[in-house]
Amino acid sequence: MSMVSKMSLWIAIAVLSMGNEGRAAVDTPSRPSDCEAKLCFMEEFYNSDPLRIKRDLEERKKISTENATRSLRSSNISVTSLEQGCYADGECIRLMYADRIYDIYPTWAELQSDNSAVNLYFKGYMDAVEGLEATFPADRKLKTDSYLERLVAPEQVLRNLFGKGDLSTETRLTPKQVKLIRTKLFLEIDKRDRKNRTELDDLIKRAGFPKQSEYGFDTVKNAFLVVQHSSDIEYQYKKLLDIEENVKIGEFPERLYALLFDRVQLALTGKQRYGTQFLCRAGKYVVAPLESPGTVDEIRSKAGLGLLSQYAAQLPQGC
């Protein structure tokens, strides 16, 4: 059984063990992790100007984008125009999610009430993930394949929970509460993404980027996931160059390379090659601009990808 499967099983057991009694009962925060679970950082925004979050977020995005553009160009990386975003800026990401929460809950009292309801489930999820992280730590002394599996598995489990379409059915939470628990899950995902990037960098310095012939597909994919999930575009670009060399010698799957290539190129130039990236527009997913719309299916086929129309049909109806 894979590490992700083990974690998913632990989480399923944790959720099944939760009774309805006490669903809304949460103790007063007594330590930082409890306070974080209660989203205490949001209180400062509710106690100030309601428009402060949006103002602070827009200003922070502007600064983050300017810094990212400057850093890219200083590394001789051509960039047309970066879309405004947070680009690995932790404070910007915090503001982005504060803004989302504020849009759902206009008052601090409403947020506290619903957060109490979701915390029983959230705590169950996190206890299971953190329990397995402690039981199967990502020790640098492990072989590369085992190390990367343990490193990536917790974040992947959290992403699987984040993307579950039946969270409302599983937890019997309201749609607003499901949005809240997904926001809390993503804040945990972001923490692990940052840590994993540092760990992968250390591994590459010691042993180079993993090769498929040496470690197998799963290990190569786990290394790829760390890069793909980073919010640092310069980091992704530089790792893309390493991966490109491995693609040329058959040591990295081109279909995974296509995902990272599109993400990086879309950010740097506003267009993608393989049609793997979609944008949310008016509540629906639409394919991001393409370099060559007329030949995209031919390009996808060469990379081992199916038709763009088939890929698009698998996406959720709304966003």
C-alpha atoms as a PDB file:
ATOM      1  CA  MET A   1       0.000   0.000   0.000  1.00  0.00           C
ATOM      2  CA  SER A   2       1.408   3.415  -0.981  1.00  0.00           C
ATOM      3  CA  MET A   3       2.014   6.154   1.569  1.00  0.00           C
ATOM      4  CA  VAL A   4      -0.849   8.220   0.110  1.00  0.00           C
ATOM      5  CA  SER A   5      -3.200   5.217   0.412  1.00  0.00           C
ATOM      6  CA  LYS A   6      -2.159   4.666   4.029  1.00  0.00           C
ATOM      7  CA  MET A   7      -2.840   8.282   4.885  1.00  0.00           C
ATOM      8  CA  SER A   8      -6.185   8.246   3.075  1.00  0.00           C
ATOM      9  CA  LEU A   9      -7.203   5.163   5.073  1.00  0.00           C
ATOM     10  CA  TRP A  10      -6.234   6.792   8.350  1.00  0.00           C
ATOM     11  CA  ILE A  11      -8.259   9.875   7.429  1.00  0.00           C
ATOM     12  CA  ALA A  12     -11.295   7.793   6.455  1.00  0.00           C
ATOM     13  CA  ILE A  13     -11.171   6.073   9.851  1.00  0.00           C
ATOM     14  CA  ALA A  14     -10.792   9.432  11.599  1.00  0.00           C
ATOM     15  CA  VAL A  15     -13.832  10.856   9.793  1.00  0.00           C
ATOM     16  CA  LEU A  16     -15.969   7.769  10.435  1.00  0.00           C
ATOM     17  CA  SER A  17     -15.143   7.965  14.134  1.00  0.00           C
ATOM     18  CA  MET A  18     -16.556  11.483  14.400  1.00  0.00           C
ATOM     19  CA  GLY A  19     -19.998  11.591  15.922  1.00  0.00           C
ATOM     20  CA  ASN A  20     -22.481  14.387  15.403  1.00  0.00           C
ATOM     21  CA  GLU A  21     -22.378  15.251  19.086  1.00  0.00           C
ATOM     22  CA  GLY A  22     -19.958  18.054  19.752  1.00  0.00           C
ATOM     23  CA  ARG A  23     -19.645  18.956  16.071  1.00  0.00           C
ATOM     24  CA  ALA A  24     -19.825  22.613  16.984  1.00  0.00           C
ATOM     25  CA  ALA A  25     -17.907  22.381  20.255  1.00  0.00           C
ATOM     26  CA  VAL A  26     -14.344  23.634  20.077  1.00  0.00           C
ATOM     27  CA  ASP A  27     -12.213  24.624  23.070  1.00  0.00           C
ATOM     28  CA  THR A  28     -10.801  28.087  23.478  1.00  0.00           C
ATOM     29  CA  PRO A  29      -7.410  28.310  21.766  1.00  0.00           C
ATOM     30  CA  SER A  30      -4.625  27.478  24.210  1.00  0.00           C
ATOM     31  CA  ARG A  31      -1.593  27.071  21.945  1.00  0.00           C
ATOM     32  CA  PRO A  32      -0.526  28.452  18.529  1.00  0.00           C
ATOM     33  CA  SER A  33      -1.773  25.459  16.527  1.00  0.00           C
ATOM     34  CA  ASP A  34      -5.240  25.758  18.101  1.00  0.00           C
ATOM     35  CA  CYS A  35      -5.347  29.464  17.375  1.00  0.00           C
ATOM     36  CA  GLU A  36      -4.309  28.817  13.803  1.00  0.00           C
ATOM     37  CA  ALA A  37      -7.063  26.211  13.463  1.00  0.00           C
ATOM     38  CA  LYS A  38      -9.536  28.896  14.599  1.00  0.00           C
ATOM     39  CA  LEU A  39      -8.163  31.317  11.985  1.00  0.00           C
ATOM     40  CA  CYS A  40      -7.253  33.840  14.676  1.00  0.00           C
ATOM     41  CA  PHE A  41      -5.248  35.850  12.142  1.00  0.00           C
ATOM     42  CA  MET A  42      -8.569  36.922  10.588  1.00  0.00           C
ATOM     43  CA  GLU A  43      -9.751  38.820  13.669  1.00  0.00           C
ATOM     44  CA  GLU A  44      -7.511  41.812  12.971  1.00  0.00           C
ATOM     45  CA  PHE A  45      -9.195  42.336   9.595  1.00  0.00           C
ATOM     46  CA  TYR A  46     -12.713  42.221  11.018  1.00  0.00           C
ATOM     47  CA  ASN A  47     -11.727  44.803  13.645  1.00  0.00           C
ATOM     48  CA  SER A  48     -10.489  47.297  11.052  1.00  0.00           C
ATOM     49  CA  ASP A  49     -11.713  48.835   7.799  1.00  0.00           C
ATOM     50  CA  PRO A  50     -13.618  46.095   5.870  1.00  0.00           C
ATOM     51  CA  LEU A  51     -11.884  47.129   2.641  1.00  0.00           C
ATOM     52  CA  ARG A  52      -8.425  46.845   4.183  1.00  0.00           C
ATOM     53  CA  ILE A  53      -7.906  43.231   3.076  1.00  0.00           C
ATOM     54  CA  LYS A  54      -8.534  43.997  -0.592  1.00  0.00           C
ATOM     55  CA  ARG A  55      -6.338  47.113  -0.503  1.00  0.00           C
ATOM     56  CA  ASP A  56      -3.512  45.284   1.259  1.00  0.00           C
ATOM     57  CA  LEU A  57      -3.835  42.287  -1.064  1.00  0.00           C
ATOM     58  CA  GLU A  58      -3.712  44.343  -4.262  1.00  0.00           C
ATOM     59  CA  GLU A  59      -0.704  46.290  -3.003  1.00  0.00           C
ATOM     60  CA  ARG A  60       1.070  43.099  -1.942  1.00  0.00           C
ATOM     61  CA  LYS A  61       0.336  41.401  -5.293  1.00  0.00           C
ATOM     62  CA  LYS A  62       1.785  44.400  -7.101  1.00  0.00           C
ATOM     63  CA  ILE A  63       4.970  44.257  -5.012  1.00  0.00           C
ATOM     64  CA  SER A  64       5.239  40.457  -5.339  1.00  0.00           C
ATOM     65  CA  THR A  65       4.821  40.606  -9.115  1.00  0.00           C
ATOM     66  CA  GLU A  66       7.382  43.398  -9.485  1.00  0.00           C
ATOM     67  CA  ASN A  67       9.861  41.464  -7.329  1.00  0.00           C
ATOM     68  CA  ALA A  68       9.301  38.256  -9.312  1.00  0.00           C
ATOM     69  CA  THR A  69       9.721  40.074 -12.638  1.00  0.00           C
ATOM     70  CA  ARG A  70      12.902  41.776 -11.458  1.00  0.00           C
ATOM     71  CA  SER A  71      14.324  38.492 -10.178  1.00  0.00           C
ATOM     72  CA  LEU A  72      13.527  36.675 -13.424  1.00  0.00           C
ATOM     73  CA  ARG A  73      15.140  39.338 -15.582  1.00  0.00           C
ATOM     74  CA  SER A  74      18.214  39.465 -13.350  1.00  0.00           C
ATOM     75  CA  SER A  75      18.600  35.745 -14.103  1.00  0.00           C
ATOM     76  CA  ASN A  76      18.342  36.495 -17.856  1.00  0.00           C
ATOM     77  CA  ILE A  77      14.916  34.853 -18.070  1.00  0.00           C
ATOM     78  CA  SER A  78      12.720  36.480 -20.709  1.00  0.00           C
ATOM     79  CA  VAL A  79       9.359  37.561 -19.340  1.00  0.00           C
ATOM     80  CA  THR A  80       6.686  39.400 -21.329  1.00  0.00           C
ATOM     81  CA  SER A  81       4.366  40.433 -18.538  1.00  0.00           C
ATOM     82  CA  LEU A  82       3.600  38.474 -15.394  1.00  0.00           C
ATOM     83  CA  GLU A  83      -0.022  38.410 -14.340  1.00  0.00           C
ATOM     84  CA  GLN A  84      -0.401  39.966 -10.907  1.00  0.00           C
ATOM     85  CA  GLY A  85      -0.043  37.276  -8.263  1.00  0.00           C
ATOM     86  CA  CYS A  86       1.631  36.265  -5.019  1.00  0.00           C
ATOM     87  CA  TYR A  87       4.629  34.339  -6.460  1.00  0.00           C
ATOM     88  CA  ALA A  88       5.869  32.541  -3.319  1.00  0.00           C
ATOM     89  CA  ASP A  89       5.199  35.579  -1.117  1.00  0.00           C
ATOM     90  CA  GLY A  90       3.877  34.090   2.132  1.00  0.00           C
ATOM     91  CA  GLU A  91       2.248  37.288   3.378  1.00  0.00           C
ATOM     92  CA  CYS A  92       0.540  37.777   0.012  1.00  0.00           C
ATOM     93  CA  ILE A  93      -0.839  34.230   0.137  1.00  0.00           C
ATOM     94  CA  ARG A  94      -2.127  34.845   3.669  1.00  0.00           C
ATOM     95  CA  LEU A  95      -3.917  37.984   2.479  1.00  0.00           C
ATOM     96  CA  MET A  96      -5.335  36.159  -0.545  1.00  0.00           C
ATOM     97  CA  TYR A  97      -6.995  33.566   1.662  1.00  0.00           C
ATOM     98  CA  ALA A  98      -8.093  36.192   4.173  1.00  0.00           C
ATOM     99  CA  ASP A  99      -9.859  37.931   1.289  1.00  0.00           C
ATOM    100  CA  ARG A 100     -11.592  34.694   0.253  1.00  0.00           C
ATOM    101  CA  ILE A 101     -12.731  34.047   3.813  1.00  0.00           C
ATOM    102  CA  TYR A 102     -14.025  37.595   4.201  1.00  0.00           C
ATOM    103  CA  ASP A 103     -16.062  37.239   1.008  1.00  0.00           C
ATOM    104  CA  ILE A 104     -17.741  34.144   2.506  1.00  0.00           C
ATOM    105  CA  TYR A 105     -18.183  35.484   6.049  1.00  0.00           C
ATOM    106  CA  PRO A 106     -18.925  39.208   6.387  1.00  0.00           C
ATOM    107  CA  THR A 107     -18.710  39.131  10.214  1.00  0.00           C
ATOM    108  CA  TRP A 108     -16.232  37.678  12.727  1.00  0.00           C
ATOM    109  CA  ALA A 109     -19.092  36.035  14.658  1.00  0.00           C
ATOM    110  CA  GLU A 110     -20.269  34.113  11.555  1.00  0.00           C
ATOM    111  CA  LEU A 111     -16.744  32.928  10.824  1.00  0.00           C
ATOM    112  CA  GLN A 112     -16.203  31.775  14.416  1.00  0.00           C
ATOM    113  CA  SER A 113     -19.498  29.893  14.436  1.00  0.00           C
ATOM    114  CA  ASP A 114     -18.876  28.010  11.197  1.00  0.00           C
ATOM    115  CA  ASN A 115     -15.211  27.457  12.010  1.00  0.00           C
ATOM    116  CA  SER A 116     -16.287  25.697  15.210  1.00  0.00           C
ATOM    117  CA  ALA A 117     -18.486  23.414  13.107  1.00  0.00           C
ATOM    118  CA  VAL A 118     -15.748  22.515  10.617  1.00  0.00           C
ATOM    119  CA  ASN A 119     -12.926  22.163  13.142  1.00  0.00           C
ATOM    120  CA  LEU A 120     -13.970  18.689  14.266  1.00  0.00           C
ATOM    121  CA  TYR A 121     -13.482  17.410  10.717  1.00  0.00           C
ATOM    122  CA  PHE A 122     -10.449  19.571  10.035  1.00  0.00           C
ATOM    123  CA  LYS A 123      -8.777  18.359  13.225  1.00  0.00           C
ATOM    124  CA  GLY A 124      -9.532  14.752  12.260  1.00  0.00           C
ATOM    125  CA  TYR A 125      -7.935  15.250   8.856  1.00  0.00           C
ATOM    126  CA  MET A 126      -4.871  16.977  10.296  1.00  0.00           C
ATOM    127  CA  ASP A 127      -4.416  14.489  13.154  1.00  0.00           C
ATOM    128  CA  ALA A 128      -4.295  11.672  10.592  1.00  0.00           C
ATOM    129  CA  VAL A 129      -1.855  13.488   8.296  1.00  0.00           C
ATOM    130  CA  GLU A 130       0.407  14.653  11.123  1.00  0.00           C
ATOM    131  CA  GLY A 131       0.275  11.215  12.748  1.00  0.00           C
ATOM    132  CA  LEU A 132       1.608   9.567   9.620  1.00  0.00           C
ATOM    133  CA  GLU A 133       4.181  12.319   9.131  1.00  0.00           C
ATOM    134  CA  ALA A 134       5.478  11.473  12.597  1.00  0.00           C
ATOM    135  CA  THR A 135       5.282   7.699  12.031  1.00  0.00           C
ATOM    136  CA  PHE A 136       6.929   7.796   8.598  1.00  0.00           C
ATOM    137  CA  PRO A 137       9.199  10.876   8.659  1.00  0.00           C
ATOM    138  CA  ALA A 138      10.996  12.016   5.514  1.00  0.00           C
ATOM    139  CA  ASP A 139      14.487  11.232   6.800  1.00  0.00           C
ATOM    140  CA  ARG A 140      17.299  12.405   4.495  1.00  0.00           C
ATOM    141  CA  LYS A 141      19.179   9.194   5.331  1.00  0.00           C
ATOM    142  CA  LEU A 142      16.557   7.174   3.438  1.00  0.00           C
ATOM    143  CA  LYS A 143      17.053   6.061  -0.159  1.00  0.00           C
ATOM    144  CA  THR A 144      15.902   8.678  -2.660  1.00  0.00           C
ATOM    145  CA  ASP A 145      12.731   6.808  -3.663  1.00  0.00           C
ATOM    146  CA  SER A 146      11.504   6.251  -0.076  1.00  0.00           C
ATOM    147  CA  TYR A 147      12.518   9.756   0.943  1.00  0.00           C
ATOM    148  CA  LEU A 148      10.567  11.458  -1.839  1.00  0.00           C
ATOM    149  CA  GLU A 149       7.508   9.276  -1.274  1.00  0.00           C
ATOM    150  CA  ARG A 150       7.384  10.245   2.386  1.00  0.00           C
ATOM    151  CA  LEU A 151       8.076  13.884   1.575  1.00  0.00           C
ATOM    152  CA  VAL A 152       5.276  14.260  -0.968  1.00  0.00           C
ATOM    153  CA  ALA A 153       2.586  11.948   0.453  1.00  0.00           C
ATOM    154  CA  PRO A 154       1.167  14.278   3.169  1.00  0.00           C
ATOM    155  CA  GLU A 155       0.778  17.166   0.740  1.00  0.00           C
ATOM    156  CA  GLN A 156      -0.846  14.889  -1.843  1.00  0.00           C
ATOM    157  CA  VAL A 157      -3.356  13.584   0.698  1.00  0.00           C
ATOM    158  CA  LEU A 158      -4.269  17.150   1.629  1.00  0.00           C
ATOM    159  CA  ARG A 159      -4.668  18.025  -2.064  1.00  0.00           C
ATOM    160  CA  ASN A 160      -6.904  14.986  -2.554  1.00  0.00           C
ATOM    161  CA  LEU A 161      -9.074  16.169   0.337  1.00  0.00           C
ATOM    162  CA  PHE A 162      -9.089  19.713  -1.039  1.00  0.00           C
ATOM    163  CA  GLY A 163     -10.318  18.487  -4.424  1.00  0.00           C
ATOM    164  CA  LYS A 164     -12.905  15.984  -3.219  1.00  0.00           C
ATOM    165  CA  GLY A 165     -16.247  16.693  -4.832  1.00  0.00           C
ATOM    166  CA  ASP A 166     -18.219  14.941  -2.081  1.00  0.00           C
ATOM    167  CA  LEU A 167     -16.836  16.755   0.969  1.00  0.00           C
ATOM    168  CA  SER A 168     -20.288  18.126   1.724  1.00  0.00           C
ATOM    169  CA  THR A 169     -21.817  14.630   1.663  1.00  0.00           C
ATOM    170  CA  GLU A 170     -18.990  13.093   3.693  1.00  0.00           C
ATOM    171  CA  THR A 171     -19.052  15.756   6.396  1.00  0.00           C
ATOM    172  CA  ARG A 172     -22.632  17.045   6.172  1.00  0.00           C
ATOM    173  CA  LEU A 173     -21.270  20.562   6.239  1.00  0.00           C
ATOM    174  CA  THR A 174     -22.963  23.442   4.427  1.00  0.00           C
ATOM    175  CA  PRO A 175     -21.531  24.748   1.118  1.00  0.00           C
ATOM    176  CA  LYS A 176     -20.075  27.770   2.958  1.00  0.00           C
ATOM    177  CA  GLN A 177     -18.460  25.509   5.538  1.00  0.00           C
ATOM    178  CA  VAL A 178     -16.978  23.327   2.789  1.00  0.00           C
ATOM    179  CA  LYS A 179     -15.399  26.452   1.232  1.00  0.00           C
ATOM    180  CA  LEU A 180     -13.963  27.284   4.641  1.00  0.00           C
ATOM    181  CA  ILE A 181     -12.497  23.836   5.267  1.00  0.00           C
ATOM    182  CA  ARG A 182     -10.955  23.857   1.777  1.00  0.00           C
ATOM    183  CA  THR A 183      -9.337  27.204   2.557  1.00  0.00           C
ATOM    184  CA  LYS A 184      -7.913  25.811   5.793  1.00  0.00           C
ATOM    185  CA  LEU A 185      -6.637  22.727   3.961  1.00  0.00           C
ATOM    186  CA  PHE A 186      -4.902  24.861   1.354  1.00  0.00           C
ATOM    187  CA  LEU A 187      -3.104  26.878   4.027  1.00  0.00           C
ATOM    188  CA  GLU A 188      -1.696  23.559   5.272  1.00  0.00           C
ATOM    189  CA  ILE A 189      -0.810  22.530   1.713  1.00  0.00           C
ATOM    190  CA  ASP A 190       1.094  25.782   1.177  1.00  0.00           C
ATOM    191  CA  LYS A 191       3.233  25.152   4.279  1.00  0.00           C
ATOM    192  CA  ARG A 192       4.238  21.730   2.998  1.00  0.00           C
ATOM    193  CA  ASP A 193       4.876  22.979  -0.544  1.00  0.00           C
ATOM    194  CA  ARG A 194       7.439  25.432   0.829  1.00  0.00           C
ATOM    195  CA  LYS A 195       9.166  22.830   2.974  1.00  0.00           C
ATOM    196  CA  ASN A 196       9.218  20.285   0.147  1.00  0.00           C
ATOM    197  CA  ARG A 197      10.877  22.725  -2.225  1.00  0.00           C
ATOM    198  CA  THR A 198      13.740  23.265   0.221  1.00  0.00           C
ATOM    199  CA  GLU A 199      14.098  19.522   0.732  1.00  0.00           C
ATOM    200  CA  LEU A 200      14.124  18.768  -3.009  1.00  0.00           C
ATOM    201  CA  ASP A 201      16.772  21.426  -3.572  1.00  0.00           C
ATOM    202  CA  ASP A 202      18.975  19.757  -0.983  1.00  0.00           C
ATOM    203  CA  LEU A 203      18.432  16.351  -2.599  1.00  0.00           C
ATOM    204  CA  ILE A 204      19.319  17.654  -6.070  1.00  0.00           C
ATOM    205  CA  LYS A 205      22.515  19.231  -4.723  1.00  0.00           C
ATOM    206  CA  ARG A 206      23.488  15.869  -3.224  1.00  0.00           C
ATOM    207  CA  ALA A 207      22.385  13.474  -5.955  1.00  0.00           C
ATOM    208  CA  GLY A 208      21.067  15.397  -8.977  1.00  0.00           C
ATOM    209  CA  PHE A 209      17.503  15.335 -10.314  1.00  0.00           C
ATOM    210  CA  PRO A 210      16.175  11.733 -10.025  1.00  0.00           C
ATOM    211  CA  LYS A 211      16.341   9.665 -13.221  1.00  0.00           C
ATOM    212  CA  GLN A 212      13.599   7.233 -14.193  1.00  0.00           C
ATOM    213  CA  SER A 213      16.013   4.410 -15.098  1.00  0.00           C
ATOM    214  CA  GLU A 214      17.554   4.574 -11.639  1.00  0.00           C
ATOM    215  CA  TYR A 215      14.542   5.145  -9.383  1.00  0.00           C
ATOM    216  CA  GLY A 216      11.428   4.446 -11.459  1.00  0.00           C
ATOM    217  CA  PHE A 217       8.442   6.521 -12.549  1.00  0.00           C
ATOM    218  CA  ASP A 218       6.930   7.090  -9.086  1.00  0.00           C
ATOM    219  CA  THR A 219      10.078   8.711  -7.721  1.00  0.00           C
ATOM    220  CA  VAL A 220      10.459  10.955 -10.769  1.00  0.00           C
ATOM    221  CA  LYS A 221       6.795  11.923 -10.486  1.00  0.00           C
ATOM    222  CA  ASN A 222       7.175  12.779  -6.791  1.00  0.00           C
ATOM    223  CA  ALA A 223      10.099  15.092  -7.582  1.00  0.00           C
ATOM    224  CA  PHE A 224       8.030  16.655 -10.374  1.00  0.00           C
ATOM    225  CA  LEU A 225       5.090  17.287  -8.018  1.00  0.00           C
ATOM    226  CA  VAL A 226       7.279  19.327  -5.682  1.00  0.00           C
ATOM    227  CA  VAL A 227       8.289  21.582  -8.582  1.00  0.00           C
ATOM    228  CA  GLN A 228       4.819  21.744 -10.141  1.00  0.00           C
ATOM    229  CA  HIS A 229       3.196  22.813  -6.879  1.00  0.00           C
ATOM    230  CA  SER A 230       5.689  25.565  -6.111  1.00  0.00           C
ATOM    231  CA  SER A 231       4.399  29.127  -6.386  1.00  0.00           C
ATOM    232  CA  ASP A 232       7.893  30.416  -7.221  1.00  0.00           C
ATOM    233  CA  ILE A 233       7.986  30.896 -11.010  1.00  0.00           C
ATOM    234  CA  GLU A 234      11.775  31.406 -11.152  1.00  0.00           C
ATOM    235  CA  TYR A 235      12.333  28.168  -9.251  1.00  0.00           C
ATOM    236  CA  GLN A 236       9.980  26.351 -11.639  1.00  0.00           C
ATOM    237  CA  TYR A 237      11.763  27.776 -14.691  1.00  0.00           C
ATOM    238  CA  LYS A 238      15.194  26.669 -13.498  1.00  0.00           C
ATOM    239  CA  LYS A 239      13.970  23.184 -12.608  1.00  0.00           C
ATOM    240  CA  LEU A 240      12.237  22.995 -15.994  1.00  0.00           C
ATOM    241  CA  LEU A 241      15.657  23.319 -17.634  1.00  0.00           C
ATOM    242  CA  ASP A 242      16.990  20.418 -15.538  1.00  0.00           C
ATOM    243  CA  ILE A 243      13.950  18.313 -16.398  1.00  0.00           C
ATOM    244  CA  GLU A 244      14.263  19.193 -20.099  1.00  0.00           C
ATOM    245  CA  GLU A 245      17.707  17.600 -20.199  1.00  0.00           C
ATOM    246  CA  ASN A 246      16.284  14.414 -18.685  1.00  0.00           C
ATOM    247  CA  VAL A 247      13.431  14.396 -21.235  1.00  0.00           C
ATOM    248  CA  LYS A 248      15.978  14.481 -24.072  1.00  0.00           C
ATOM    249  CA  ILE A 249      17.678  11.318 -22.797  1.00  0.00           C
ATOM    250  CA  GLY A 250      14.462   9.476 -21.961  1.00  0.00           C
ATOM    251  CA  GLU A 251      14.822   9.874 -18.204  1.00  0.00           C
ATOM    252  CA  PHE A 252      11.687  11.969 -17.625  1.00  0.00           C
ATOM    253  CA  PRO A 253       8.146  11.479 -19.074  1.00  0.00           C
ATOM    254  CA  GLU A 254       7.252  14.155 -21.623  1.00  0.00           C
ATOM    255  CA  ARG A 255       3.618  14.197 -20.494  1.00  0.00           C
ATOM    256  CA  LEU A 256       4.714  15.426 -17.048  1.00  0.00           C
ATOM    257  CA  TYR A 257       7.161  17.863 -18.623  1.00  0.00           C
ATOM    258  CA  ALA A 258       4.247  19.293 -20.645  1.00  0.00           C
ATOM    259  CA  LEU A 259       2.366  20.212 -17.468  1.00  0.00           C
ATOM    260  CA  LEU A 260       5.275  22.165 -16.024  1.00  0.00           C
ATOM    261  CA  PHE A 261       6.250  23.719 -19.368  1.00  0.00           C
ATOM    262  CA  ASP A 262       2.733  25.086 -19.860  1.00  0.00           C
ATOM    263  CA  ARG A 263       2.542  26.457 -16.339  1.00  0.00           C
ATOM    264  CA  VAL A 264       5.849  28.293 -16.698  1.00  0.00           C
ATOM    265  CA  GLN A 265       5.285  29.532 -20.261  1.00  0.00           C
ATOM    266  CA  LEU A 266       1.789  30.753 -19.486  1.00  0.00           C
ATOM    267  CA  ALA A 267       3.171  32.840 -16.630  1.00  0.00           C
ATOM    268  CA  LEU A 268       6.095  34.220 -18.642  1.00  0.00           C
ATOM    269  CA  THR A 269       4.461  34.778 -22.045  1.00  0.00           C
ATOM    270  CA  GLY A 270       0.702  34.528 -21.566  1.00  0.00           C
ATOM    271  CA  LYS A 271       0.467  31.424 -23.797  1.00  0.00           C
ATOM    272  CA  GLN A 272       0.863  27.658 -23.381  1.00  0.00           C
ATOM    273  CA  ARG A 273       1.880  24.914 -25.812  1.00  0.00           C
ATOM    274  CA  TYR A 274       0.187  21.673 -24.750  1.00  0.00           C
ATOM    275  CA  GLY A 275      -3.196  22.907 -23.522  1.00  0.00           C
ATOM    276  CA  THR A 276      -2.826  21.604 -19.972  1.00  0.00           C
ATOM    277  CA  GLN A 277      -3.718  24.861 -18.208  1.00  0.00           C
ATOM    278  CA  PHE A 278      -7.232  26.222 -17.761  1.00  0.00           C
ATOM    279  CA  LEU A 279      -8.509  29.520 -16.384  1.00  0.00           C
ATOM    280  CA  CYS A 280     -11.659  30.208 -14.392  1.00  0.00           C
ATOM    281  CA  ARG A 281     -13.812  32.688 -16.284  1.00  0.00           C
ATOM    282  CA  ALA A 282     -17.394  33.581 -15.345  1.00  0.00           C
ATOM    283  CA  GLY A 283     -17.709  30.457 -13.198  1.00  0.00           C
ATOM    284  CA  LYS A 284     -16.448  28.059 -15.899  1.00  0.00           C
ATOM    285  CA  TYR A 285     -13.072  26.576 -16.837  1.00  0.00           C
ATOM    286  CA  VAL A 286     -11.745  27.704 -20.226  1.00  0.00           C
ATOM    287  CA  VAL A 287      -8.501  26.656 -21.892  1.00  0.00           C
ATOM    288  CA  ALA A 288      -5.745  29.243 -21.436  1.00  0.00           C
ATOM    289  CA  PRO A 289      -4.387  30.908 -24.621  1.00  0.00           C
ATOM    290  CA  LEU A 290      -2.447  28.541 -26.900  1.00  0.00           C
ATOM    291  CA  GLU A 291       0.716  29.056 -28.961  1.00  0.00           C
ATOM    292  CA  SER A 292      -0.751  27.062 -31.846  1.00  0.00           C
ATOM    293  CA  PRO A 293      -4.495  26.331 -31.477  1.00  0.00           C
ATOM    294  CA  GLY A 294      -4.716  24.560 -34.854  1.00  0.00           C
ATOM    295  CA  THR A 295      -2.070  21.940 -34.057  1.00  0.00           C
ATOM    296  CA  VAL A 296      -2.503  21.524 -30.288  1.00  0.00           C
ATOM    297  CA  ASP A 297      -3.872  17.964 -30.533  1.00  0.00           C
ATOM    298  CA  GLU A 298      -0.907  16.912 -32.675  1.00  0.00           C
ATOM    299  CA  ILE A 299       1.472  18.474 -30.141  1.00  0.00           C
ATOM    300  CA  ARG A 300      -0.361  16.753 -27.295  1.00  0.00           C
ATOM    301  CA  SER A 301      -0.206  13.386 -29.054  1.00  0.00           C
ATOM    302  CA  LYS A 302       3.583  13.586 -29.410  1.00  0.00           C
ATOM    303  CA  ALA A 303       3.808  14.186 -25.655  1.00  0.00           C
ATOM    304  CA  GLY A 304       1.600  11.197 -24.859  1.00  0.00           C
ATOM    305  CA  LEU A 305      -1.469  13.286 -24.048  1.00  0.00           C
ATOM    306  CA  GLY A 306      -5.022  12.705 -25.285  1.00  0.00           C
ATOM    307  CA  LEU A 307      -7.250  15.099 -27.211  1.00  0.00           C
ATOM    308  CA  LEU A 308      -7.726  18.523 -25.648  1.00  0.00           C
ATOM    309  CA  SER A 309     -11.518  18.161 -25.872  1.00  0.00           C
ATOM    310  CA  GLN A 310     -11.367  14.913 -23.886  1.00  0.00           C
ATOM    311  CA  TYR A 311      -9.121  16.507 -21.277  1.00  0.00           C
ATOM    312  CA  ALA A 312     -11.446  19.507 -20.941  1.00  0.00           C
ATOM    313  CA  ALA A 313     -14.474  17.231 -20.491  1.00  0.00           C
ATOM    314  CA  GLN A 314     -12.905  15.779 -17.324  1.00  0.00           C
ATOM    315  CA  LEU A 315     -12.801  19.149 -15.546  1.00  0.00           C
ATOM    316  CA  PRO A 316     -15.492  20.175 -13.032  1.00  0.00           C
ATOM    317  CA  GLN A 317     -18.498  21.954 -14.523  1.00  0.00           C
ATOM    318  CA  GLY A 318     -17.976  25.056 -12.423  1.00  0.00           C
ATOM    319  CA  CYS A 319     -15.111  26.863 -10.719  1.00  0.00           C
END
